[in-house]
Amino acid sequence: MERARAIYARVGQAPVIIRREVDGFVLNRLQAALLAEAFRLVSEGVVSPADLDVTMTRGLGLRWAFMGPFETIELNAPGGIPDYVARFRGFLELIPRDPARPEVFSDEALATVMAEWTPTADAEAKMRWRDGRLAALRVHLDARDRGALDRAPAPPQASTP
């Protein structure tokens, strides 16, 4: 496993060790959980698909581009992960008490999402754009991991009058 891990790392991949077999890939399982809640929020009229995407791309997605969910919550409370869980336990437990059910992907839920979703006009062009942005982000993150960004000057701080 270590040899395989080294080979994948050498070619720019980010290998992880799976400690036990489960159906599906870890990434797909996490994505499914997030999608289930996204479908539920849209189909129950809480938020539009476009606004949900903004929430991800301008909020959580920005953090998740360079740190995972545990590091994110560790930095969101002064006492780290235990403090975060203590502060937000009540809210965090709401979702598992009302877990996403298969019907969140029902035809009715899908129809609700699609009624508000504007499909991408040129999906192939958008995929090329996405792949370019991912490649640029990868270059940025690789530079950060090499420490090159740590030596860069800090961005100017906004001043208040």
N, C-alpha and C. Protein backbone atom coordinates (compact mmCIF):
# COMPACT_ATOMS: atom_id res chain seq x y z
N MET A 1 0.83 -1.19 0.00
CA MET A 1 0.00 0.00 0.00
C MET A 1 0.87 1.25 0.00
N GLU A 2 1.94 1.22 0.77
CA GLU A 2 2.80 2.40 0.81
C GLU A 2 3.46 2.66 -0.55
N ARG A 3 3.82 1.59 -1.25
CA ARG A 3 4.42 1.75 -2.58
C ARG A 3 3.40 2.38 -3.54
N ALA A 4 2.18 1.87 -3.51
CA ALA A 4 1.13 2.43 -4.37
C ALA A 4 0.86 3.88 -4.00
N ARG A 5 0.80 4.16 -2.71
CA ARG A 5 0.56 5.52 -2.25
C ARG A 5 1.65 6.46 -2.76
N ALA A 6 2.89 6.03 -2.70
CA ALA A 6 4.02 6.84 -3.18
C ALA A 6 3.92 7.09 -4.68
N ILE A 7 3.54 6.07 -5.43
CA ILE A 7 3.41 6.23 -6.88
C ILE A 7 2.32 7.24 -7.21
N TYR A 8 1.16 7.10 -6.58
CA TYR A 8 0.05 8.03 -6.84
C TYR A 8 0.43 9.45 -6.43
N ALA A 9 1.11 9.60 -5.32
CA ALA A 9 1.53 10.93 -4.86
C ALA A 9 2.52 11.54 -5.85
N ARG A 10 3.42 10.72 -6.38
CA ARG A 10 4.43 11.20 -7.32
C ARG A 10 3.80 11.74 -8.60
N VAL A 11 2.67 11.20 -9.01
CA VAL A 11 2.02 11.67 -10.24
C VAL A 11 0.97 12.74 -9.96
N GLY A 12 0.97 13.29 -8.74
CA GLY A 12 0.10 14.43 -8.43
C GLY A 12 -1.25 14.08 -7.85
N GLN A 13 -1.48 12.81 -7.55
CA GLN A 13 -2.74 12.43 -6.92
C GLN A 13 -2.64 12.64 -5.41
N ALA A 14 -3.76 12.54 -4.73
CA ALA A 14 -3.80 12.68 -3.27
C ALA A 14 -4.39 11.39 -2.70
N PRO A 15 -3.56 10.33 -2.61
CA PRO A 15 -4.10 9.05 -2.16
C PRO A 15 -4.48 9.08 -0.68
N VAL A 16 -5.50 8.31 -0.35
CA VAL A 16 -5.94 8.14 1.03
C VAL A 16 -6.03 6.65 1.31
N ILE A 17 -5.91 6.29 2.57
CA ILE A 17 -6.01 4.89 2.97
C ILE A 17 -7.44 4.63 3.41
N ILE A 18 -8.07 3.66 2.81
CA ILE A 18 -9.41 3.24 3.19
C ILE A 18 -9.23 2.10 4.19
N ARG A 19 -9.68 2.30 5.41
CA ARG A 19 -9.45 1.34 6.49
C ARG A 19 -10.37 0.14 6.44
N ARG A 20 -11.53 0.30 5.78
CA ARG A 20 -12.45 -0.83 5.67
C ARG A 20 -13.33 -0.59 4.45
N GLU A 21 -13.75 -1.67 3.84
CA GLU A 21 -14.56 -1.60 2.64
C GLU A 21 -15.99 -1.14 2.94
N VAL A 22 -16.50 -0.24 2.12
CA VAL A 22 -17.89 0.18 2.13
C VAL A 22 -18.31 0.33 0.68
N ASP A 23 -19.61 0.31 0.43
CA ASP A 23 -20.08 0.53 -0.93
C ASP A 23 -19.78 1.96 -1.35
N GLY A 24 -19.31 2.13 -2.55
CA GLY A 24 -19.04 3.46 -3.10
C GLY A 24 -17.71 4.03 -2.66
N PHE A 25 -17.34 5.12 -3.27
CA PHE A 25 -16.11 5.83 -2.93
C PHE A 25 -16.42 6.84 -1.82
N VAL A 26 -15.43 7.15 -1.00
CA VAL A 26 -15.62 8.12 0.10
C VAL A 26 -16.13 9.44 -0.47
N LEU A 27 -15.51 9.92 -1.54
CA LEU A 27 -15.93 11.19 -2.14
C LEU A 27 -17.39 11.14 -2.56
N ASN A 28 -17.79 10.06 -3.22
CA ASN A 28 -19.18 9.95 -3.68
C ASN A 28 -20.16 9.84 -2.52
N ARG A 29 -19.76 9.18 -1.44
CA ARG A 29 -20.65 9.07 -0.28
C ARG A 29 -20.85 10.44 0.37
N LEU A 30 -19.78 11.22 0.48
CA LEU A 30 -19.91 12.57 1.02
C LEU A 30 -20.76 13.44 0.10
N GLN A 31 -20.52 13.33 -1.19
CA GLN A 31 -21.29 14.10 -2.15
C GLN A 31 -22.77 13.71 -2.08
N ALA A 32 -23.07 12.44 -1.92
CA ALA A 32 -24.47 11.99 -1.84
C ALA A 32 -25.16 12.59 -0.62
N ALA A 33 -24.45 12.63 0.51
CA ALA A 33 -25.05 13.21 1.72
C ALA A 33 -25.34 14.70 1.51
N LEU A 34 -24.41 15.41 0.91
CA LEU A 34 -24.60 16.83 0.65
C LEU A 34 -25.72 17.03 -0.37
N LEU A 35 -25.74 16.22 -1.43
CA LEU A 35 -26.80 16.34 -2.43
C LEU A 35 -28.17 16.04 -1.86
N ALA A 36 -28.26 15.05 -0.98
CA ALA A 36 -29.55 14.73 -0.38
C ALA A 36 -30.10 15.94 0.37
N GLU A 37 -29.25 16.59 1.14
CA GLU A 37 -29.70 17.77 1.88
C GLU A 37 -30.00 18.92 0.93
N ALA A 38 -29.21 19.07 -0.13
CA ALA A 38 -29.46 20.13 -1.12
C ALA A 38 -30.82 19.90 -1.79
N PHE A 39 -31.09 18.67 -2.22
CA PHE A 39 -32.39 18.36 -2.83
C PHE A 39 -33.52 18.64 -1.85
N ARG A 40 -33.31 18.24 -0.60
CA ARG A 40 -34.37 18.45 0.39
C ARG A 40 -34.62 19.95 0.59
N LEU A 41 -33.56 20.73 0.76
CA LEU A 41 -33.74 22.17 0.99
C LEU A 41 -34.45 22.85 -0.17
N VAL A 42 -34.13 22.44 -1.40
CA VAL A 42 -34.78 23.04 -2.56
C VAL A 42 -36.22 22.53 -2.69
N SER A 43 -36.42 21.22 -2.58
CA SER A 43 -37.77 20.67 -2.78
C SER A 43 -38.74 21.10 -1.68
N GLU A 44 -38.22 21.44 -0.49
CA GLU A 44 -39.09 21.93 0.59
C GLU A 44 -39.25 23.44 0.56
N GLY A 45 -38.69 24.09 -0.47
CA GLY A 45 -38.90 25.53 -0.63
C GLY A 45 -38.05 26.41 0.27
N VAL A 46 -37.00 25.86 0.86
CA VAL A 46 -36.14 26.63 1.76
C VAL A 46 -35.27 27.60 0.98
N VAL A 47 -34.76 27.15 -0.16
CA VAL A 47 -33.81 27.94 -0.94
C VAL A 47 -33.90 27.50 -2.40
N SER A 48 -33.53 28.38 -3.31
CA SER A 48 -33.52 28.02 -4.73
C SER A 48 -32.24 27.26 -5.06
N PRO A 49 -32.24 26.49 -6.15
CA PRO A 49 -31.01 25.80 -6.55
C PRO A 49 -29.85 26.78 -6.77
N ALA A 50 -30.15 27.92 -7.39
CA ALA A 50 -29.09 28.90 -7.65
C ALA A 50 -28.51 29.46 -6.35
N ASP A 51 -29.38 29.77 -5.39
CA ASP A 51 -28.88 30.31 -4.12
C ASP A 51 -28.15 29.24 -3.31
N LEU A 52 -28.58 27.99 -3.42
CA LEU A 52 -27.85 26.93 -2.75
C LEU A 52 -26.44 26.82 -3.34
N ASP A 53 -26.33 26.90 -4.66
CA ASP A 53 -25.01 26.86 -5.29
C ASP A 53 -24.15 28.04 -4.84
N VAL A 54 -24.75 29.22 -4.70
CA VAL A 54 -23.99 30.38 -4.20
C VAL A 54 -23.49 30.10 -2.79
N THR A 55 -24.34 29.50 -1.96
CA THR A 55 -23.93 29.17 -0.59
C THR A 55 -22.69 28.29 -0.60
N MET A 56 -22.65 27.34 -1.51
CA MET A 56 -21.49 26.45 -1.59
C MET A 56 -20.27 27.16 -2.19
N THR A 57 -20.45 27.81 -3.35
CA THR A 57 -19.29 28.36 -4.04
C THR A 57 -18.70 29.59 -3.35
N ARG A 58 -19.55 30.36 -2.67
CA ARG A 58 -19.06 31.58 -2.01
C ARG A 58 -18.87 31.40 -0.51
N GLY A 59 -19.25 30.24 0.01
CA GLY A 59 -19.14 30.01 1.45
C GLY A 59 -18.34 28.76 1.74
N LEU A 60 -19.05 27.68 1.94
CA LEU A 60 -18.42 26.43 2.34
C LEU A 60 -17.39 25.93 1.32
N GLY A 61 -17.71 26.04 0.05
CA GLY A 61 -16.80 25.58 -0.99
C GLY A 61 -15.45 26.29 -0.97
N LEU A 62 -15.46 27.57 -0.62
CA LEU A 62 -14.19 28.30 -0.52
C LEU A 62 -13.29 27.67 0.54
N ARG A 63 -13.86 27.36 1.68
CA ARG A 63 -13.07 26.73 2.74
C ARG A 63 -12.63 25.33 2.33
N TRP A 64 -13.58 24.56 1.78
CA TRP A 64 -13.30 23.17 1.44
C TRP A 64 -12.32 23.03 0.29
N ALA A 65 -12.03 24.12 -0.42
CA ALA A 65 -11.03 24.05 -1.48
C ALA A 65 -9.64 23.82 -0.91
N PHE A 66 -9.42 24.20 0.34
CA PHE A 66 -8.07 24.04 0.89
C PHE A 66 -8.04 23.43 2.28
N MET A 67 -9.18 23.08 2.84
CA MET A 67 -9.19 22.37 4.12
C MET A 67 -10.46 21.53 4.18
N GLY A 68 -10.39 20.44 4.89
CA GLY A 68 -11.54 19.54 4.99
C GLY A 68 -12.52 19.96 6.06
N PRO A 69 -13.60 19.18 6.22
CA PRO A 69 -14.64 19.56 7.16
C PRO A 69 -14.17 19.60 8.62
N PHE A 70 -13.27 18.70 9.00
CA PHE A 70 -12.81 18.73 10.40
C PHE A 70 -11.93 19.93 10.68
N GLU A 71 -11.02 20.24 9.77
CA GLU A 71 -10.18 21.42 9.98
C GLU A 71 -11.03 22.69 9.94
N THR A 72 -12.05 22.70 9.08
CA THR A 72 -12.94 23.86 9.00
C THR A 72 -13.62 24.12 10.34
N ILE A 73 -14.21 23.08 10.94
CA ILE A 73 -14.91 23.33 12.20
C ILE A 73 -13.94 23.56 13.35
N GLU A 74 -12.74 23.00 13.26
CA GLU A 74 -11.74 23.26 14.31
C GLU A 74 -11.43 24.75 14.38
N LEU A 75 -11.40 25.40 13.23
CA LEU A 75 -11.07 26.82 13.18
C LEU A 75 -12.28 27.73 13.38
N ASN A 76 -13.48 27.15 13.46
CA ASN A 76 -14.69 27.95 13.62
C ASN A 76 -15.12 28.12 15.07
N ALA A 77 -14.37 27.57 16.01
CA ALA A 77 -14.69 27.74 17.43
C ALA A 77 -13.37 27.87 18.19
N PRO A 78 -13.31 28.76 19.16
CA PRO A 78 -12.04 28.99 19.87
C PRO A 78 -11.43 27.73 20.48
N GLY A 79 -12.27 26.79 20.93
CA GLY A 79 -11.77 25.57 21.54
C GLY A 79 -11.67 24.40 20.59
N GLY A 80 -11.70 24.66 19.29
CA GLY A 80 -11.54 23.61 18.30
C GLY A 80 -12.78 22.74 18.12
N ILE A 81 -12.56 21.52 17.66
CA ILE A 81 -13.66 20.62 17.33
C ILE A 81 -14.57 20.35 18.53
N PRO A 82 -14.04 20.06 19.72
CA PRO A 82 -14.95 19.82 20.86
C PRO A 82 -15.82 21.04 21.17
N ASP A 83 -15.26 22.23 21.08
CA ASP A 83 -16.01 23.45 21.33
C ASP A 83 -17.08 23.65 20.26
N TYR A 84 -16.74 23.41 19.00
CA TYR A 84 -17.70 23.53 17.91
C TYR A 84 -18.89 22.61 18.14
N VAL A 85 -18.60 21.34 18.45
CA VAL A 85 -19.67 20.37 18.67
C VAL A 85 -20.51 20.78 19.88
N ALA A 86 -19.88 21.25 20.94
CA ALA A 86 -20.63 21.67 22.14
C ALA A 86 -21.55 22.85 21.80
N ARG A 87 -21.05 23.79 21.02
CA ARG A 87 -21.85 24.98 20.68
C ARG A 87 -23.02 24.65 19.75
N PHE A 88 -22.78 23.73 18.81
CA PHE A 88 -23.75 23.50 17.74
C PHE A 88 -24.39 22.11 17.78
N ARG A 89 -24.17 21.36 18.84
CA ARG A 89 -24.68 19.99 18.92
C ARG A 89 -26.18 19.91 18.64
N GLY A 90 -26.96 20.78 19.24
CA GLY A 90 -28.41 20.74 19.02
C GLY A 90 -28.77 20.84 17.56
N PHE A 91 -28.17 21.80 16.87
CA PHE A 91 -28.44 21.94 15.44
C PHE A 91 -27.87 20.76 14.65
N LEU A 92 -26.65 20.37 14.97
CA LEU A 92 -26.01 19.28 14.24
C LEU A 92 -26.80 17.98 14.33
N GLU A 93 -27.50 17.79 15.43
CA GLU A 93 -28.27 16.55 15.61
C GLU A 93 -29.63 16.60 14.93
N LEU A 94 -30.06 17.77 14.47
CA LEU A 94 -31.35 17.85 13.78
C LEU A 94 -31.37 17.03 12.50
N ILE A 95 -30.31 17.10 11.72
CA ILE A 95 -30.29 16.42 10.42
C ILE A 95 -30.33 14.90 10.60
N PRO A 96 -29.48 14.29 11.46
CA PRO A 96 -29.58 12.83 11.61
C PRO A 96 -30.92 12.37 12.18
N ARG A 97 -31.57 13.21 12.99
CA ARG A 97 -32.89 12.83 13.52
C ARG A 97 -33.93 12.78 12.41
N ASP A 98 -33.71 13.57 11.37
CA ASP A 98 -34.60 13.59 10.22
C ASP A 98 -33.75 13.33 8.98
N PRO A 99 -33.19 12.13 8.89
CA PRO A 99 -32.21 11.87 7.84
C PRO A 99 -32.81 11.97 6.44
N ALA A 100 -31.93 12.26 5.51
CA ALA A 100 -32.36 12.31 4.12
C ALA A 100 -32.89 10.93 3.74
N ARG A 101 -34.05 10.91 3.21
CA ARG A 101 -34.68 9.65 2.82
C ARG A 101 -34.57 9.51 1.31
N PRO A 102 -34.73 8.31 0.81
CA PRO A 102 -34.65 8.12 -0.65
C PRO A 102 -35.58 9.06 -1.42
N GLU A 103 -36.71 9.43 -0.79
CA GLU A 103 -37.64 10.27 -1.54
C GLU A 103 -37.11 11.68 -1.79
N VAL A 104 -35.99 12.06 -1.18
CA VAL A 104 -35.44 13.38 -1.51
C VAL A 104 -35.00 13.41 -2.97
N PHE A 105 -34.79 12.25 -3.57
CA PHE A 105 -34.44 12.17 -4.99
C PHE A 105 -35.63 11.71 -5.84
N SER A 106 -36.84 11.87 -5.31
CA SER A 106 -38.05 11.42 -6.02
C SER A 106 -38.25 12.25 -7.29
N ASP A 107 -39.13 11.75 -8.14
CA ASP A 107 -39.47 12.49 -9.36
C ASP A 107 -40.05 13.86 -9.01
N GLU A 108 -40.84 13.91 -7.93
CA GLU A 108 -41.44 15.19 -7.52
C GLU A 108 -40.36 16.17 -7.07
N ALA A 109 -39.40 15.70 -6.26
CA ALA A 109 -38.31 16.57 -5.81
C ALA A 109 -37.48 17.03 -7.00
N LEU A 110 -37.20 16.11 -7.91
CA LEU A 110 -36.43 16.45 -9.10
C LEU A 110 -37.17 17.50 -9.93
N ALA A 111 -38.48 17.34 -10.07
CA ALA A 111 -39.28 18.32 -10.82
C ALA A 111 -39.21 19.69 -10.17
N THR A 112 -39.25 19.74 -8.85
CA THR A 112 -39.15 21.02 -8.13
C THR A 112 -37.80 21.68 -8.41
N VAL A 113 -36.75 20.89 -8.31
CA VAL A 113 -35.40 21.43 -8.58
C VAL A 113 -35.33 21.94 -10.02
N MET A 114 -35.77 21.11 -10.97
CA MET A 114 -35.63 21.49 -12.38
C MET A 114 -36.53 22.65 -12.77
N ALA A 115 -37.63 22.86 -12.05
CA ALA A 115 -38.50 24.00 -12.33
C ALA A 115 -37.79 25.31 -12.05
N GLU A 116 -36.82 25.27 -11.14
CA GLU A 116 -36.10 26.49 -10.77
C GLU A 116 -34.68 26.55 -11.32
N TRP A 117 -34.21 25.45 -11.90
CA TRP A 117 -32.83 25.39 -12.37
C TRP A 117 -32.76 25.83 -13.82
N THR A 118 -31.78 26.66 -14.14
CA THR A 118 -31.54 27.05 -15.52
C THR A 118 -30.36 26.22 -16.02
N PRO A 119 -30.60 25.28 -16.92
CA PRO A 119 -29.50 24.44 -17.40
C PRO A 119 -28.42 25.28 -18.09
N THR A 120 -27.20 24.80 -17.99
CA THR A 120 -26.06 25.46 -18.61
C THR A 120 -26.23 25.44 -20.12
N ALA A 121 -26.09 26.59 -20.75
CA ALA A 121 -26.32 26.71 -22.19
C ALA A 121 -25.34 25.85 -22.99
N ASP A 122 -24.08 25.90 -22.66
CA ASP A 122 -23.05 25.13 -23.38
C ASP A 122 -22.28 24.32 -22.35
N ALA A 123 -22.81 23.14 -22.04
CA ALA A 123 -22.23 22.31 -20.98
C ALA A 123 -20.78 21.93 -21.28
N GLU A 124 -20.46 21.65 -22.54
CA GLU A 124 -19.07 21.27 -22.87
C GLU A 124 -18.11 22.43 -22.60
N ALA A 125 -18.50 23.64 -22.95
CA ALA A 125 -17.65 24.81 -22.68
C ALA A 125 -17.52 25.02 -21.17
N LYS A 126 -18.62 24.84 -20.45
CA LYS A 126 -18.58 25.01 -19.00
C LYS A 126 -17.69 23.95 -18.36
N MET A 127 -17.69 22.72 -18.89
CA MET A 127 -16.81 21.67 -18.37
C MET A 127 -15.35 22.03 -18.60
N ARG A 128 -15.05 22.56 -19.77
CA ARG A 128 -13.66 22.99 -20.05
C ARG A 128 -13.26 24.12 -19.10
N TRP A 129 -14.17 25.07 -18.87
CA TRP A 129 -13.91 26.16 -17.93
C TRP A 129 -13.65 25.59 -16.54
N ARG A 130 -14.53 24.69 -16.09
CA ARG A 130 -14.37 24.06 -14.77
C ARG A 130 -13.03 23.35 -14.66
N ASP A 131 -12.67 22.60 -15.67
CA ASP A 131 -11.40 21.87 -15.63
C ASP A 131 -10.21 22.83 -15.57
N GLY A 132 -10.29 23.94 -16.27
CA GLY A 132 -9.24 24.95 -16.20
C GLY A 132 -9.14 25.58 -14.82
N ARG A 133 -10.30 25.87 -14.22
CA ARG A 133 -10.30 26.46 -12.88
C ARG A 133 -9.76 25.47 -11.86
N LEU A 134 -10.13 24.19 -12.00
CA LEU A 134 -9.61 23.17 -11.08
C LEU A 134 -8.09 23.04 -11.23
N ALA A 135 -7.61 23.09 -12.47
CA ALA A 135 -6.16 23.00 -12.69
C ALA A 135 -5.45 24.20 -12.07
N ALA A 136 -6.02 25.39 -12.23
CA ALA A 136 -5.41 26.58 -11.63
C ALA A 136 -5.42 26.50 -10.10
N LEU A 137 -6.51 26.01 -9.55
CA LEU A 137 -6.58 25.84 -8.10
C LEU A 137 -5.55 24.81 -7.64
N ARG A 138 -5.39 23.75 -8.40
CA ARG A 138 -4.39 22.73 -8.06
C ARG A 138 -2.99 23.33 -8.04
N VAL A 139 -2.65 24.15 -9.02
CA VAL A 139 -1.35 24.82 -9.05
C VAL A 139 -1.20 25.69 -7.80
N HIS A 140 -2.23 26.42 -7.47
CA HIS A 140 -2.21 27.29 -6.28
C HIS A 140 -1.99 26.46 -5.01
N LEU A 141 -2.75 25.38 -4.87
CA LEU A 141 -2.63 24.55 -3.67
C LEU A 141 -1.28 23.85 -3.61
N ASP A 142 -0.75 23.42 -4.76
CA ASP A 142 0.58 22.81 -4.78
C ASP A 142 1.64 23.82 -4.32
N ALA A 143 1.51 25.08 -4.76
CA ALA A 143 2.45 26.12 -4.33
C ALA A 143 2.34 26.34 -2.83
N ARG A 144 1.12 26.34 -2.33
CA ARG A 144 0.92 26.48 -0.89
C ARG A 144 1.56 25.33 -0.14
N ASP A 145 1.37 24.12 -0.64
CA ASP A 145 1.92 22.94 0.03
C ASP A 145 3.45 22.93 0.01
N ARG A 146 4.04 23.55 -1.01
CA ARG A 146 5.51 23.66 -1.06
C ARG A 146 6.01 24.81 -0.19
N GLY A 147 5.10 25.58 0.37
CA GLY A 147 5.48 26.70 1.23
C GLY A 147 5.72 27.98 0.47
N ALA A 148 5.53 27.97 -0.84
CA ALA A 148 5.79 29.17 -1.64
C ALA A 148 4.84 30.31 -1.26
N LEU A 149 3.64 29.98 -0.93
CA LEU A 149 2.68 31.04 -0.58
C LEU A 149 2.95 31.61 0.80
N ASP A 150 3.58 30.82 1.67
CA ASP A 150 3.90 31.32 3.01
C ASP A 150 4.93 32.44 2.94
N ARG A 151 5.73 32.46 1.89
CA ARG A 151 6.77 33.49 1.75
C ARG A 151 6.25 34.72 1.02
N ALA A 152 5.07 34.63 0.45
CA ALA A 152 4.50 35.76 -0.28
C ALA A 152 4.05 36.82 0.71
N PRO A 153 4.09 38.07 0.30
CA PRO A 153 3.62 39.12 1.19
C PRO A 153 2.14 38.96 1.47
N ALA A 154 1.73 39.32 2.65
CA ALA A 154 0.32 39.24 3.04
C ALA A 154 -0.47 40.26 2.24
N PRO A 155 -1.72 39.96 1.91
CA PRO A 155 -2.53 40.95 1.20
C PRO A 155 -2.79 42.14 2.10
N PRO A 156 -2.98 43.31 1.50
CA PRO A 156 -3.23 44.50 2.32
C PRO A 156 -4.52 44.34 3.10
N GLN A 157 -4.51 44.85 4.30
CA GLN A 157 -5.69 44.80 5.16
C GLN A 157 -6.56 46.02 4.89
N ALA A 158 -7.86 45.81 4.89
CA ALA A 158 -8.77 46.93 4.71
C ALA A 158 -8.72 47.80 5.96
N SER A 159 -8.70 49.08 5.75
CA SER A 159 -8.69 49.98 6.91
C SER A 159 -10.07 50.59 7.08
N THR A 160 -10.39 50.87 8.30
CA THR A 160 -11.68 51.51 8.58
C THR A 160 -11.40 52.93 9.06
N PRO A 161 -12.25 53.86 8.60
CA PRO A 161 -12.03 55.28 9.00
C PRO A 161 -12.30 55.52 10.45
